[in-house]
Amino acid sequence: MKIKLNGEDYETVIETVAQLLEELRIVPGRVAVELNLSILKKADYGTCPLHDGDAVEVVNFVGGG
């Protein structure tokens, strides 16, 4: 399946947002995920399916002072 990941073409065989984060080696608790212009709840990452052509934005939180 082909998706847009942070504006770039990305090809994968995963089925859910949680699997995508695992594939990317991203800790789910430290990011926000937007799927097709809707922000997802962290509790939904494991059940939210991905489809060919979806647009996914993964935003990492950065702390500092």
N, C-alpha and C. Protein backbone atom coordinates (compact mmCIF):
# COMPACT_ATOMS: atom_id res chain seq x y z
N MET A 1 0.83 -1.16 0.00
CA MET A 1 0.00 0.00 0.00
C MET A 1 0.88 1.24 0.00
N LYS A 2 0.42 2.27 -0.66
CA LYS A 2 1.15 3.53 -0.72
C LYS A 2 0.38 4.59 0.05
N ILE A 3 1.10 5.26 0.96
CA ILE A 3 0.51 6.36 1.72
C ILE A 3 1.43 7.57 1.61
N LYS A 4 0.95 8.71 2.08
CA LYS A 4 1.79 9.90 2.23
C LYS A 4 2.14 9.98 3.71
N LEU A 5 3.41 9.97 4.03
CA LEU A 5 3.88 10.05 5.41
C LEU A 5 4.67 11.33 5.56
N ASN A 6 4.13 12.27 6.32
CA ASN A 6 4.76 13.57 6.49
C ASN A 6 5.10 14.21 5.15
N GLY A 7 4.16 14.09 4.21
CA GLY A 7 4.30 14.72 2.91
C GLY A 7 5.12 13.96 1.89
N GLU A 8 5.68 12.82 2.28
CA GLU A 8 6.51 12.02 1.37
C GLU A 8 5.83 10.69 1.04
N ASP A 9 6.06 10.18 -0.17
CA ASP A 9 5.53 8.87 -0.53
C ASP A 9 6.18 7.81 0.35
N TYR A 10 5.36 6.85 0.81
CA TYR A 10 5.86 5.78 1.68
C TYR A 10 5.09 4.52 1.33
N GLU A 11 5.79 3.43 1.18
CA GLU A 11 5.17 2.16 0.84
C GLU A 11 5.33 1.19 2.00
N THR A 12 4.23 0.49 2.35
CA THR A 12 4.25 -0.41 3.50
C THR A 12 3.20 -1.50 3.33
N VAL A 13 3.27 -2.51 4.17
CA VAL A 13 2.26 -3.58 4.16
C VAL A 13 1.51 -3.63 5.48
N ILE A 14 1.75 -2.66 6.38
CA ILE A 14 1.10 -2.66 7.69
C ILE A 14 -0.38 -2.33 7.55
N GLU A 15 -1.14 -2.56 8.63
CA GLU A 15 -2.59 -2.37 8.57
C GLU A 15 -3.13 -1.29 9.49
N THR A 16 -2.39 -0.92 10.55
CA THR A 16 -2.91 0.06 11.51
C THR A 16 -1.88 1.14 11.79
N VAL A 17 -2.34 2.21 12.39
CA VAL A 17 -1.44 3.31 12.77
C VAL A 17 -0.40 2.82 13.78
N ALA A 18 -0.82 2.00 14.75
CA ALA A 18 0.13 1.47 15.74
C ALA A 18 1.24 0.67 15.07
N GLN A 19 0.89 -0.13 14.08
CA GLN A 19 1.89 -0.91 13.35
C GLN A 19 2.83 -0.01 12.58
N LEU A 20 2.31 1.07 12.03
CA LEU A 20 3.14 2.03 11.31
C LEU A 20 4.17 2.64 12.26
N LEU A 21 3.72 3.08 13.43
CA LEU A 21 4.65 3.65 14.40
C LEU A 21 5.72 2.65 14.82
N GLU A 22 5.31 1.39 15.00
CA GLU A 22 6.28 0.34 15.34
C GLU A 22 7.28 0.15 14.21
N GLU A 23 6.80 0.12 12.98
CA GLU A 23 7.68 -0.03 11.81
C GLU A 23 8.68 1.11 11.74
N LEU A 24 8.24 2.32 12.12
CA LEU A 24 9.11 3.49 12.08
C LEU A 24 9.96 3.63 13.35
N ARG A 25 9.76 2.73 14.30
CA ARG A 25 10.46 2.75 15.59
C ARG A 25 10.20 4.05 16.35
N ILE A 26 8.93 4.42 16.39
CA ILE A 26 8.49 5.62 17.08
C ILE A 26 7.68 5.22 18.30
N VAL A 27 8.00 5.81 19.46
CA VAL A 27 7.27 5.55 20.69
C VAL A 27 5.94 6.30 20.62
N PRO A 28 4.80 5.60 20.66
CA PRO A 28 3.51 6.24 20.49
C PRO A 28 3.20 7.35 21.49
N GLY A 29 3.68 7.23 22.70
CA GLY A 29 3.39 8.22 23.73
C GLY A 29 4.04 9.56 23.50
N ARG A 30 5.00 9.64 22.60
CA ARG A 30 5.74 10.88 22.38
C ARG A 30 5.36 11.61 21.10
N VAL A 31 4.30 11.15 20.43
CA VAL A 31 3.91 11.76 19.17
C VAL A 31 2.40 12.00 19.10
N ALA A 32 2.02 12.87 18.18
CA ALA A 32 0.62 13.03 17.79
C ALA A 32 0.52 12.56 16.34
N VAL A 33 -0.59 11.92 16.01
CA VAL A 33 -0.77 11.40 14.66
C VAL A 33 -2.04 12.01 14.06
N GLU A 34 -1.88 12.53 12.85
CA GLU A 34 -3.00 13.06 12.09
C GLU A 34 -3.21 12.14 10.90
N LEU A 35 -4.44 11.70 10.70
CA LEU A 35 -4.77 10.83 9.58
C LEU A 35 -5.83 11.52 8.74
N ASN A 36 -5.47 11.85 7.51
CA ASN A 36 -6.40 12.52 6.59
C ASN A 36 -7.04 13.75 7.24
N LEU A 37 -6.19 14.58 7.86
CA LEU A 37 -6.56 15.87 8.46
C LEU A 37 -7.33 15.76 9.77
N SER A 38 -7.41 14.55 10.36
CA SER A 38 -8.06 14.37 11.65
C SER A 38 -7.04 13.85 12.65
N ILE A 39 -6.97 14.49 13.82
CA ILE A 39 -6.04 14.04 14.86
C ILE A 39 -6.63 12.82 15.55
N LEU A 40 -5.81 11.80 15.69
CA LEU A 40 -6.26 10.55 16.31
C LEU A 40 -5.99 10.55 17.81
N LYS A 41 -6.86 9.87 18.54
CA LYS A 41 -6.61 9.62 19.96
C LYS A 41 -5.61 8.48 20.06
N LYS A 42 -4.69 8.57 21.02
CA LYS A 42 -3.68 7.52 21.19
C LYS A 42 -4.33 6.15 21.39
N ALA A 43 -5.46 6.13 22.07
CA ALA A 43 -6.16 4.86 22.33
C ALA A 43 -6.65 4.19 21.04
N ASP A 44 -6.75 4.96 19.96
CA ASP A 44 -7.26 4.42 18.70
C ASP A 44 -6.16 3.96 17.75
N TYR A 45 -4.90 4.19 18.08
CA TYR A 45 -3.80 3.83 17.17
C TYR A 45 -3.84 2.36 16.77
N GLY A 46 -4.16 1.48 17.71
CA GLY A 46 -4.14 0.04 17.43
C GLY A 46 -5.30 -0.45 16.59
N THR A 47 -6.39 0.30 16.57
CA THR A 47 -7.57 -0.14 15.83
C THR A 47 -7.85 0.69 14.58
N CYS A 48 -7.12 1.77 14.40
CA CYS A 48 -7.34 2.65 13.25
C CYS A 48 -6.64 2.08 12.01
N PRO A 49 -7.42 1.64 11.02
CA PRO A 49 -6.81 1.06 9.83
C PRO A 49 -6.24 2.11 8.89
N LEU A 50 -5.24 1.71 8.14
CA LEU A 50 -4.68 2.55 7.09
C LEU A 50 -5.12 1.99 5.74
N HIS A 51 -5.34 2.89 4.80
CA HIS A 51 -5.77 2.49 3.46
C HIS A 51 -4.85 3.14 2.41
N ASP A 52 -4.79 2.52 1.27
CA ASP A 52 -4.01 3.05 0.16
C ASP A 52 -4.42 4.50 -0.10
N GLY A 53 -3.44 5.39 -0.17
CA GLY A 53 -3.70 6.78 -0.46
C GLY A 53 -3.89 7.67 0.76
N ASP A 54 -3.91 7.07 1.97
CA ASP A 54 -4.07 7.88 3.18
C ASP A 54 -2.91 8.84 3.35
N ALA A 55 -3.19 9.96 4.01
CA ALA A 55 -2.17 10.95 4.36
C ALA A 55 -1.97 10.91 5.87
N VAL A 56 -0.75 10.60 6.30
CA VAL A 56 -0.43 10.47 7.71
C VAL A 56 0.65 11.49 8.06
N GLU A 57 0.40 12.24 9.13
CA GLU A 57 1.40 13.17 9.66
C GLU A 57 1.71 12.72 11.07
N VAL A 58 2.99 12.53 11.36
CA VAL A 58 3.44 12.15 12.69
C VAL A 58 4.26 13.33 13.23
N VAL A 59 3.78 13.89 14.35
CA VAL A 59 4.42 15.06 14.94
C VAL A 59 5.05 14.65 16.26
N ASN A 60 6.34 14.89 16.39
CA ASN A 60 7.08 14.56 17.61
C ASN A 60 7.12 15.77 18.53
N PHE A 61 6.84 15.55 19.81
CA PHE A 61 6.89 16.64 20.79
C PHE A 61 8.32 16.84 21.24
N VAL A 62 8.74 18.11 21.31
CA VAL A 62 10.08 18.46 21.74
C VAL A 62 9.96 19.38 22.93
N GLY A 63 10.64 19.02 24.01
CA GLY A 63 10.61 19.86 25.20
C GLY A 63 11.83 20.78 25.24
N GLY A 64 11.74 21.75 26.07
CA GLY A 64 12.88 22.65 26.19
C GLY A 64 12.46 23.90 26.96
N GLY A 65 13.43 24.73 27.19
CA GLY A 65 13.09 25.90 27.98
C GLY A 65 13.72 27.14 27.44
